Amino acid sequence: NSFPVMPPQMSVDAPFDKSVFLELALAATDELIKLAQVDSPLW
């Protein structure tokens, strides 16, 4: 790959509750699926 890998610019410390990422991902998946399937008047 001719594109160098980005150096890590943010870290996730051990005390950080990573379950927050799962909550955010589940909500985003729910929204994406609905955005992909619903037509007018949303699009």
All heavy atoms as atom14 arrays in JSON, in Angstrom:
{
  "sequence": "NSFPVMPPQMSVDAPFDKSVFLELALAATDELIKLAQVDSPLW",
  "atom14_mask": [
    [1, 1, 1, 1, 1, 1, 1, 1, 0, 0, 0, 0, 0, 0],
    [1, 1, 1, 1, 1, 1, 0, 0, 0, 0, 0, 0, 0, 0],
    [1, 1, 1, 1, 1, 1, 1, 1, 1, 1, 1, 0, 0, 0],
    [1, 1, 1, 1, 1, 1, 1, 0, 0, 0, 0, 0, 0, 0],
    [1, 1, 1, 1, 1, 1, 1, 0, 0, 0, 0, 0, 0, 0],
    [1, 1, 1, 1, 1, 1, 1, 1, 0, 0, 0, 0, 0, 0],
    [1, 1, 1, 1, 1, 1, 1, 0, 0, 0, 0, 0, 0, 0],
    [1, 1, 1, 1, 1, 1, 1, 0, 0, 0, 0, 0, 0, 0],
    [1, 1, 1, 1, 1, 1, 1, 1, 1, 0, 0, 0, 0, 0],
    [1, 1, 1, 1, 1, 1, 1, 1, 0, 0, 0, 0, 0, 0],
    [1, 1, 1, 1, 1, 1, 0, 0, 0, 0, 0, 0, 0, 0],
    [1, 1, 1, 1, 1, 1, 1, 0, 0, 0, 0, 0, 0, 0],
    [1, 1, 1, 1, 1, 1, 1, 1, 0, 0, 0, 0, 0, 0],
    [1, 1, 1, 1, 1, 0, 0, 0, 0, 0, 0, 0, 0, 0],
    [1, 1, 1, 1, 1, 1, 1, 0, 0, 0, 0, 0, 0, 0],
    [1, 1, 1, 1, 1, 1, 1, 1, 1, 1, 1, 0, 0, 0],
    [1, 1, 1, 1, 1, 1, 1, 1, 0, 0, 0, 0, 0, 0],
    [1, 1, 1, 1, 1, 1, 1, 1, 1, 0, 0, 0, 0, 0],
    [1, 1, 1, 1, 1, 1, 0, 0, 0, 0, 0, 0, 0, 0],
    [1, 1, 1, 1, 1, 1, 1, 0, 0, 0, 0, 0, 0, 0],
    [1, 1, 1, 1, 1, 1, 1, 1, 1, 1, 1, 0, 0, 0],
    [1, 1, 1, 1, 1, 1, 1, 1, 0, 0, 0, 0, 0, 0],
    [1, 1, 1, 1, 1, 1, 1, 1, 1, 0, 0, 0, 0, 0],
    [1, 1, 1, 1, 1, 1, 1, 1, 0, 0, 0, 0, 0, 0],
    [1, 1, 1, 1, 1, 0, 0, 0, 0, 0, 0, 0, 0, 0],
    [1, 1, 1, 1, 1, 1, 1, 1, 0, 0, 0, 0, 0, 0],
    [1, 1, 1, 1, 1, 0, 0, 0, 0, 0, 0, 0, 0, 0],
    [1, 1, 1, 1, 1, 0, 0, 0, 0, 0, 0, 0, 0, 0],
    [1, 1, 1, 1, 1, 1, 1, 0, 0, 0, 0, 0, 0, 0],
    [1, 1, 1, 1, 1, 1, 1, 1, 0, 0, 0, 0, 0, 0],
    [1, 1, 1, 1, 1, 1, 1, 1, 1, 0, 0, 0, 0, 0],
    [1, 1, 1, 1, 1, 1, 1, 1, 0, 0, 0, 0, 0, 0],
    [1, 1, 1, 1, 1, 1, 1, 1, 0, 0, 0, 0, 0, 0],
    [1, 1, 1, 1, 1, 1, 1, 1, 1, 0, 0, 0, 0, 0],
    [1, 1, 1, 1, 1, 1, 1, 1, 0, 0, 0, 0, 0, 0],
    [1, 1, 1, 1, 1, 0, 0, 0, 0, 0, 0, 0, 0, 0],
    [1, 1, 1, 1, 1, 1, 1, 1, 1, 0, 0, 0, 0, 0],
    [1, 1, 1, 1, 1, 1, 1, 0, 0, 0, 0, 0, 0, 0],
    [1, 1, 1, 1, 1, 1, 1, 1, 0, 0, 0, 0, 0, 0],
    [1, 1, 1, 1, 1, 1, 0, 0, 0, 0, 0, 0, 0, 0],
    [1, 1, 1, 1, 1, 1, 1, 0, 0, 0, 0, 0, 0, 0],
    [1, 1, 1, 1, 1, 1, 1, 1, 0, 0, 0, 0, 0, 0],
    [1, 1, 1, 1, 1, 1, 1, 1, 1, 1, 1, 1, 1, 1]
  ],
  "atom14_positions": [
    [[0.84, -1.19, 0.0], [0.0, 0.0, 0.0], [0.88, 1.25, 0.0], [1.71, 1.45, 0.87], [-0.89, -0.02, 1.24], [-1.93, 1.07, 1.2], [-1.94, 1.88, 0.29], [-2.8, 1.08, 2.18], [0.0, 0.0, 0.0], [0.0, 0.0, 0.0], [0.0, 0.0, 0.0], [0.0, 0.0, 0.0], [0.0, 0.0, 0.0], [0.0, 0.0, 0.0]],
    [[0.68, 2.1, -1.0], [1.5, 3.31, -1.09], [1.03, 4.4, -0.16], [1.64, 5.44, -0.06], [1.49, 3.83, -2.53], [0.19, 4.21, -2.9], [0.0, 0.0, 0.0], [0.0, 0.0, 0.0], [0.0, 0.0, 0.0], [0.0, 0.0, 0.0], [0.0, 0.0, 0.0], [0.0, 0.0, 0.0], [0.0, 0.0, 0.0], [0.0, 0.0, 0.0]],
    [[-0.09, 4.18, 0.52], [-0.59, 5.16, 1.48], [-0.08, 4.78, 2.87], [-0.46, 3.75, 3.4], [-2.12, 5.17, 1.5], [-2.71, 5.61, 0.2], [-3.06, 4.7, -0.77], [-2.91, 6.95, -0.05], [-3.6, 5.12, -1.96], [-3.46, 7.38, -1.24], [-3.79, 6.45, -2.2], [0.0, 0.0, 0.0], [0.0, 0.0, 0.0], [0.0, 0.0, 0.0]],
    [[0.8, 5.57, 3.48], [1.29, 5.23, 4.82], [0.15, 5.17, 5.82], [-0.82, 5.92, 5.72], [2.26, 6.37, 5.14], [2.61, 6.98, 3.82], [1.41, 6.79, 2.95], [0.0, 0.0, 0.0], [0.0, 0.0, 0.0], [0.0, 0.0, 0.0], [0.0, 0.0, 0.0], [0.0, 0.0, 0.0], [0.0, 0.0, 0.0], [0.0, 0.0, 0.0]],
    [[0.28, 4.28, 6.77], [-0.74, 4.16, 7.81], [-0.71, 5.39, 8.69], [0.36, 5.89, 9.04], [-0.5, 2.88, 8.64], [-1.47, 2.81, 9.81], [-0.63, 1.65, 7.76], [0.0, 0.0, 0.0], [0.0, 0.0, 0.0], [0.0, 0.0, 0.0], [0.0, 0.0, 0.0], [0.0, 0.0, 0.0], [0.0, 0.0, 0.0], [0.0, 0.0, 0.0]],
    [[-1.87, 5.87, 9.05], [-1.94, 7.06, 9.91], [-1.39, 6.73, 11.29], [-1.72, 5.69, 11.86], [-3.38, 7.54, 10.04], [-3.97, 8.1, 8.77], [-5.65, 8.7, 9.04], [-5.33, 10.11, 10.11], [0.0, 0.0, 0.0], [0.0, 0.0, 0.0], [0.0, 0.0, 0.0], [0.0, 0.0, 0.0], [0.0, 0.0, 0.0], [0.0, 0.0, 0.0]],
    [[-0.54, 7.57, 11.87], [-0.1, 7.33, 13.24], [-1.27, 7.51, 14.19], [-2.12, 8.38, 14.0], [0.96, 8.43, 13.46], [0.58, 9.5, 12.49], [-0.01, 8.79, 11.29], [0.0, 0.0, 0.0], [0.0, 0.0, 0.0], [0.0, 0.0, 0.0], [0.0, 0.0, 0.0], [0.0, 0.0, 0.0], [0.0, 0.0, 0.0], [0.0, 0.0, 0.0]],
    [[-1.34, 6.67, 15.23], [-2.45, 6.82, 16.19], [-2.43, 8.21, 16.82], [-1.43, 8.64, 17.37], [-2.17, 5.73, 17.23], [-1.3, 4.74, 16.52], [-0.47, 5.55, 15.56], [0.0, 0.0, 0.0], [0.0, 0.0, 0.0], [0.0, 0.0, 0.0], [0.0, 0.0, 0.0], [0.0, 0.0, 0.0], [0.0, 0.0, 0.0], [0.0, 0.0, 0.0]],
    [[-3.55, 8.91, 16.75], [-3.65, 10.25, 17.31], [-4.61, 10.32, 18.48], [-4.83, 11.36, 19.04], [-4.1, 11.22, 16.21], [-3.08, 11.32, 15.08], [-3.55, 12.24, 13.98], [-4.64, 12.79, 14.04], [-2.72, 12.41, 12.97], [0.0, 0.0, 0.0], [0.0, 0.0, 0.0], [0.0, 0.0, 0.0], [0.0, 0.0, 0.0], [0.0, 0.0, 0.0]],
    [[-5.24, 9.19, 18.79], [-6.09, 9.17, 19.99], [-5.98, 7.77, 20.57], [-5.83, 6.79, 19.86], [-7.53, 9.52, 19.66], [-8.28, 8.48, 18.85], [-10.0, 8.94, 18.68], [-10.58, 7.58, 17.67], [0.0, 0.0, 0.0], [0.0, 0.0, 0.0], [0.0, 0.0, 0.0], [0.0, 0.0, 0.0], [0.0, 0.0, 0.0], [0.0, 0.0, 0.0]],
    [[-6.03, 7.67, 21.85], [-5.9, 6.39, 22.51], [-7.13, 6.13, 23.36], [-7.79, 7.05, 23.82], [-4.65, 6.36, 23.4], [-4.76, 7.37, 24.39], [0.0, 0.0, 0.0], [0.0, 0.0, 0.0], [0.0, 0.0, 0.0], [0.0, 0.0, 0.0], [0.0, 0.0, 0.0], [0.0, 0.0, 0.0], [0.0, 0.0, 0.0], [0.0, 0.0, 0.0]],
    [[-7.45, 4.85, 23.53], [-8.56, 4.46, 24.38], [-7.97, 3.86, 25.64], [-7.44, 2.76, 25.63], [-9.45, 3.42, 23.66], [-10.63, 3.07, 24.54], [-9.92, 3.97, 22.33], [0.0, 0.0, 0.0], [0.0, 0.0, 0.0], [0.0, 0.0, 0.0], [0.0, 0.0, 0.0], [0.0, 0.0, 0.0], [0.0, 0.0, 0.0], [0.0, 0.0, 0.0]],
    [[-7.98, 4.62, 26.71], [-7.39, 4.15, 27.95], [-8.21, 3.01, 28.53], [-9.4, 2.86, 28.27], [-7.33, 5.3, 28.97], [-6.46, 6.45, 28.45], [-5.51, 6.15, 27.71], [-6.76, 7.61, 28.78], [0.0, 0.0, 0.0], [0.0, 0.0, 0.0], [0.0, 0.0, 0.0], [0.0, 0.0, 0.0], [0.0, 0.0, 0.0], [0.0, 0.0, 0.0]],
    [[-7.57, 2.2, 29.35], [-8.22, 1.03, 29.93], [-9.47, 1.37, 30.73], [-10.47, 0.68, 30.62], [-7.22, 0.27, 30.8], [0.0, 0.0, 0.0], [0.0, 0.0, 0.0], [0.0, 0.0, 0.0], [0.0, 0.0, 0.0], [0.0, 0.0, 0.0], [0.0, 0.0, 0.0], [0.0, 0.0, 0.0], [0.0, 0.0, 0.0], [0.0, 0.0, 0.0]],
    [[-9.49, 2.44, 31.53], [-10.7, 2.73, 32.3], [-11.9, 3.13, 31.44], [-13.02, 3.13, 31.92], [-10.26, 3.9, 33.2], [-8.78, 3.85, 33.23], [-8.39, 3.34, 31.89], [0.0, 0.0, 0.0], [0.0, 0.0, 0.0], [0.0, 0.0, 0.0], [0.0, 0.0, 0.0], [0.0, 0.0, 0.0], [0.0, 0.0, 0.0], [0.0, 0.0, 0.0]],
    [[-11.67, 3.48, 30.17], [-12.78, 3.93, 29.33], [-13.7, 2.75, 29.05], [-13.26, 1.67, 28.67], [-12.23, 4.51, 28.03], [-13.28, 5.21, 27.22], [-13.58, 6.54, 27.45], [-13.98, 4.54, 26.23], [-14.54, 7.19, 26.71], [-14.94, 5.17, 25.49], [-15.21, 6.51, 25.73], [0.0, 0.0, 0.0], [0.0, 0.0, 0.0], [0.0, 0.0, 0.0]],
    [[-15.0, 2.98, 29.21], [-16.0, 1.93, 29.01], [-16.26, 1.78, 27.51], [-16.95, 2.59, 26.9], [-17.29, 2.31, 29.74], [-18.3, 1.16, 29.71], [-17.97, 0.11, 29.12], [-19.39, 1.32, 30.27], [0.0, 0.0, 0.0], [0.0, 0.0, 0.0], [0.0, 0.0, 0.0], [0.0, 0.0, 0.0], [0.0, 0.0, 0.0], [0.0, 0.0, 0.0]],
    [[-15.71, 0.72, 26.94], [-15.85, 0.52, 25.5], [-17.25, 0.09, 25.1], [-17.56, 0.07, 23.92], [-14.83, -0.52, 25.02], [-13.38, -0.07, 25.17], [-12.41, -1.09, 24.61], [-10.97, -0.63, 24.79], [-10.0, -1.61, 24.25], [0.0, 0.0, 0.0], [0.0, 0.0, 0.0], [0.0, 0.0, 0.0], [0.0, 0.0, 0.0], [0.0, 0.0, 0.0]],
    [[-18.07, -0.26, 26.07], [-19.45, -0.6, 25.73], [-20.19, 0.59, 25.14], [-21.19, 0.43, 24.44], [-20.19, -1.11, 26.97], [-20.3, -0.09, 27.95], [0.0, 0.0, 0.0], [0.0, 0.0, 0.0], [0.0, 0.0, 0.0], [0.0, 0.0, 0.0], [0.0, 0.0, 0.0], [0.0, 0.0, 0.0], [0.0, 0.0, 0.0], [0.0, 0.0, 0.0]],
    [[-19.68, 1.81, 25.42], [-20.28, 3.0, 24.83], [-20.19, 2.94, 23.31], [-21.1, 3.36, 22.59], [-19.59, 4.27, 25.38], [-20.13, 5.52, 24.69], [-19.78, 4.37, 26.88], [0.0, 0.0, 0.0], [0.0, 0.0, 0.0], [0.0, 0.0, 0.0], [0.0, 0.0, 0.0], [0.0, 0.0, 0.0], [0.0, 0.0, 0.0], [0.0, 0.0, 0.0]],
    [[-19.07, 2.4, 22.8], [-18.92, 2.25, 21.35], [-19.97, 1.3, 20.79], [-20.51, 1.52, 19.7], [-17.53, 1.74, 21.0], [-16.42, 2.71, 21.3], [-15.3, 2.31, 22.02], [-16.5, 4.02, 20.87], [-14.29, 3.21, 22.29], [-15.48, 4.92, 21.14], [-14.38, 4.52, 21.85], [0.0, 0.0, 0.0], [0.0, 0.0, 0.0], [0.0, 0.0, 0.0]],
    [[-20.25, 0.23, 21.53], [-21.26, -0.73, 21.08], [-22.64, -0.08, 21.04], [-23.4, -0.28, 20.09], [-21.27, -1.96, 22.0], [-22.32, -3.02, 21.67], [-22.12, -3.57, 20.27], [-22.28, -4.16, 22.7], [0.0, 0.0, 0.0], [0.0, 0.0, 0.0], [0.0, 0.0, 0.0], [0.0, 0.0, 0.0], [0.0, 0.0, 0.0], [0.0, 0.0, 0.0]],
    [[-22.97, 0.69, 22.06], [-24.26, 1.39, 22.07], [-24.37, 2.31, 20.86], [-25.39, 2.33, 20.16], [-24.39, 2.21, 23.36], [-24.42, 1.39, 24.63], [-24.55, 2.28, 25.86], [-25.26, 3.29, 25.78], [-23.94, 1.96, 26.89], [0.0, 0.0, 0.0], [0.0, 0.0, 0.0], [0.0, 0.0, 0.0], [0.0, 0.0, 0.0], [0.0, 0.0, 0.0]],
    [[-23.32, 3.07, 20.6], [-23.33, 3.99, 19.47], [-23.44, 3.24, 18.15], [-24.19, 3.65, 17.25], [-22.06, 4.85, 19.5], [-21.92, 5.92, 18.41], [-23.05, 6.93, 18.5], [-20.57, 6.61, 18.53], [0.0, 0.0, 0.0], [0.0, 0.0, 0.0], [0.0, 0.0, 0.0], [0.0, 0.0, 0.0], [0.0, 0.0, 0.0], [0.0, 0.0, 0.0]],
    [[-22.73, 2.12, 18.03], [-22.76, 1.34, 16.79], [-24.13, 0.73, 16.54], [-24.61, 0.69, 15.4], [-21.69, 0.25, 16.83], [0.0, 0.0, 0.0], [0.0, 0.0, 0.0], [0.0, 0.0, 0.0], [0.0, 0.0, 0.0], [0.0, 0.0, 0.0], [0.0, 0.0, 0.0], [0.0, 0.0, 0.0], [0.0, 0.0, 0.0], [0.0, 0.0, 0.0]],
    [[-24.78, 0.23, 17.58], [-26.11, -0.36, 17.42], [-27.12, 0.7, 16.99], [-27.97, 0.45, 16.11], [-26.56, -1.01, 18.73], [-25.82, -2.28, 19.16], [-26.26, -2.71, 20.55], [-26.03, -3.4, 18.16], [0.0, 0.0, 0.0], [0.0, 0.0, 0.0], [0.0, 0.0, 0.0], [0.0, 0.0, 0.0], [0.0, 0.0, 0.0], [0.0, 0.0, 0.0]],
    [[-27.03, 1.87, 17.58], [-27.95, 2.95, 17.18], [-27.7, 3.37, 15.74], [-28.64, 3.6, 14.97], [-27.79, 4.14, 18.13], [0.0, 0.0, 0.0], [0.0, 0.0, 0.0], [0.0, 0.0, 0.0], [0.0, 0.0, 0.0], [0.0, 0.0, 0.0], [0.0, 0.0, 0.0], [0.0, 0.0, 0.0], [0.0, 0.0, 0.0], [0.0, 0.0, 0.0]],
    [[-26.42, 3.47, 15.37], [-26.08, 3.87, 14.0], [-26.54, 2.83, 12.99], [-27.01, 3.17, 11.89], [-24.57, 4.1, 13.88], [0.0, 0.0, 0.0], [0.0, 0.0, 0.0], [0.0, 0.0, 0.0], [0.0, 0.0, 0.0], [0.0, 0.0, 0.0], [0.0, 0.0, 0.0], [0.0, 0.0, 0.0], [0.0, 0.0, 0.0], [0.0, 0.0, 0.0]],
    [[-26.44, 1.54, 13.34], [-26.89, 0.48, 12.43], [-28.39, 0.55, 12.23], [-28.9, 0.42, 11.11], [-26.5, -0.89, 13.0], [-25.1, -0.93, 13.24], [-26.87, -2.0, 12.03], [0.0, 0.0, 0.0], [0.0, 0.0, 0.0], [0.0, 0.0, 0.0], [0.0, 0.0, 0.0], [0.0, 0.0, 0.0], [0.0, 0.0, 0.0], [0.0, 0.0, 0.0]],
    [[-29.11, 0.76, 13.31], [-30.56, 0.9, 13.22], [-30.93, 2.04, 12.28], [-31.8, 1.9, 11.4], [-31.11, 1.15, 14.64], [-32.62, 1.32, 14.65], [-33.28, 0.81, 13.72], [-33.14, 1.94, 15.59], [0.0, 0.0, 0.0], [0.0, 0.0, 0.0], [0.0, 0.0, 0.0], [0.0, 0.0, 0.0], [0.0, 0.0, 0.0], [0.0, 0.0, 0.0]],
    [[-30.26, 3.17, 12.43], [-30.56, 4.33, 11.59], [-30.19, 4.07, 10.14], [-30.94, 4.42, 9.21], [-29.83, 5.55, 12.12], [-30.11, 6.82, 11.34], [-29.53, 8.06, 12.0], [-29.63, 8.18, 13.24], [-28.96, 8.9, 11.27], [0.0, 0.0, 0.0], [0.0, 0.0, 0.0], [0.0, 0.0, 0.0], [0.0, 0.0, 0.0], [0.0, 0.0, 0.0]],
    [[-29.02, 3.46, 9.91], [-28.58, 3.21, 8.53], [-29.54, 2.29, 7.79], [-29.89, 2.54, 6.63], [-27.17, 2.6, 8.54], [-26.63, 2.21, 7.16], [-26.33, 3.45, 6.33], [-25.38, 1.35, 7.28], [0.0, 0.0, 0.0], [0.0, 0.0, 0.0], [0.0, 0.0, 0.0], [0.0, 0.0, 0.0], [0.0, 0.0, 0.0], [0.0, 0.0, 0.0]],
    [[-30.0, 1.23, 8.45], [-30.9, 0.29, 7.8], [-32.21, 0.98, 7.42], [-32.75, 0.78, 6.32], [-31.17, -0.92, 8.72], [-29.89, -1.75, 8.88], [-32.29, -1.79, 8.17], [-30.01, -2.88, 9.87], [0.0, 0.0, 0.0], [0.0, 0.0, 0.0], [0.0, 0.0, 0.0], [0.0, 0.0, 0.0], [0.0, 0.0, 0.0], [0.0, 0.0, 0.0]],
    [[-32.7, 1.81, 8.31], [-33.94, 2.51, 8.0], [-33.73, 3.53, 6.88], [-34.58, 3.67, 5.99], [-34.49, 3.19, 9.25], [-35.92, 3.69, 9.07], [-36.57, 4.0, 10.39], [-38.06, 4.31, 10.21], [-38.74, 4.6, 11.47], [0.0, 0.0, 0.0], [0.0, 0.0, 0.0], [0.0, 0.0, 0.0], [0.0, 0.0, 0.0], [0.0, 0.0, 0.0]],
    [[-32.61, 4.24, 6.9], [-32.31, 5.19, 5.84], [-32.18, 4.5, 4.49], [-32.52, 5.07, 3.44], [-31.02, 5.96, 6.15], [-31.09, 7.02, 7.25], [-29.7, 7.57, 7.54], [-32.03, 8.15, 6.86], [0.0, 0.0, 0.0], [0.0, 0.0, 0.0], [0.0, 0.0, 0.0], [0.0, 0.0, 0.0], [0.0, 0.0, 0.0], [0.0, 0.0, 0.0]],
    [[-31.67, 3.26, 4.49], [-31.51, 2.53, 3.24], [-32.83, 1.99, 2.7], [-32.97, 1.81, 1.49], [-30.52, 1.38, 3.44], [0.0, 0.0, 0.0], [0.0, 0.0, 0.0], [0.0, 0.0, 0.0], [0.0, 0.0, 0.0], [0.0, 0.0, 0.0], [0.0, 0.0, 0.0], [0.0, 0.0, 0.0], [0.0, 0.0, 0.0], [0.0, 0.0, 0.0]],
    [[-33.8, 1.73, 3.56], [-35.03, 1.07, 3.14], [-36.2, 2.03, 2.92], [-37.07, 1.76, 2.1], [-35.42, 0.01, 4.18], [-34.44, -1.15, 4.25], [-34.87, -2.2, 5.25], [-35.77, -1.97, 6.06], [-34.22, -3.35, 5.22], [0.0, 0.0, 0.0], [0.0, 0.0, 0.0], [0.0, 0.0, 0.0], [0.0, 0.0, 0.0], [0.0, 0.0, 0.0]],
    [[-36.24, 3.15, 3.66], [-37.38, 4.06, 3.57], [-37.16, 5.05, 2.43], [-36.05, 5.56, 2.24], [-37.58, 4.81, 4.91], [-38.7, 5.83, 4.79], [-37.86, 3.81, 6.02], [0.0, 0.0, 0.0], [0.0, 0.0, 0.0], [0.0, 0.0, 0.0], [0.0, 0.0, 0.0], [0.0, 0.0, 0.0], [0.0, 0.0, 0.0], [0.0, 0.0, 0.0]],
    [[-38.2, 5.33, 1.66], [-38.11, 6.27, 0.55], [-38.76, 7.6, 0.94], [-38.44, 8.17, 1.96], [-38.75, 5.68, -0.7], [-37.99, 4.46, -1.2], [-36.75, 4.47, -1.12], [-38.63, 3.49, -1.66], [0.0, 0.0, 0.0], [0.0, 0.0, 0.0], [0.0, 0.0, 0.0], [0.0, 0.0, 0.0], [0.0, 0.0, 0.0], [0.0, 0.0, 0.0]],
    [[-39.69, 8.07, 0.14], [-40.38, 9.33, 0.43], [-41.22, 9.2, 1.71], [-41.77, 8.13, 1.98], [-41.28, 9.68, -0.76], [-41.96, 10.88, -0.54], [0.0, 0.0, 0.0], [0.0, 0.0, 0.0], [0.0, 0.0, 0.0], [0.0, 0.0, 0.0], [0.0, 0.0, 0.0], [0.0, 0.0, 0.0], [0.0, 0.0, 0.0], [0.0, 0.0, 0.0]],
    [[-41.27, 10.23, 2.54], [-40.73, 11.59, 2.35], [-39.33, 11.78, 2.9], [-38.84, 12.9, 2.92], [-41.73, 12.44, 3.12], [-42.12, 11.58, 4.27], [-42.15, 10.16, 3.74], [0.0, 0.0, 0.0], [0.0, 0.0, 0.0], [0.0, 0.0, 0.0], [0.0, 0.0, 0.0], [0.0, 0.0, 0.0], [0.0, 0.0, 0.0], [0.0, 0.0, 0.0]],
    [[-38.69, 10.7, 3.36], [-37.37, 10.85, 3.96], [-36.32, 11.19, 2.9], [-35.37, 11.91, 3.18], [-36.98, 9.55, 4.68], [-35.87, 9.63, 5.72], [-36.18, 10.65, 6.79], [-35.62, 8.25, 6.34], [0.0, 0.0, 0.0], [0.0, 0.0, 0.0], [0.0, 0.0, 0.0], [0.0, 0.0, 0.0], [0.0, 0.0, 0.0], [0.0, 0.0, 0.0]],
    [[-36.5, 10.67, 1.68], [-35.57, 10.95, 0.6], [-36.32, 11.61, -0.56], [-37.46, 11.24, -0.86], [-34.9, 9.66, 0.1], [-33.97, 9.05, 1.09], [-34.26, 8.05, 1.97], [-32.61, 9.39, 1.32], [-33.16, 7.75, 2.73], [-32.12, 8.56, 2.35], [-31.73, 10.33, 0.76], [-30.83, 8.63, 2.82], [-30.44, 10.39, 1.23], [-29.99, 9.56, 2.25]]
  ]
}
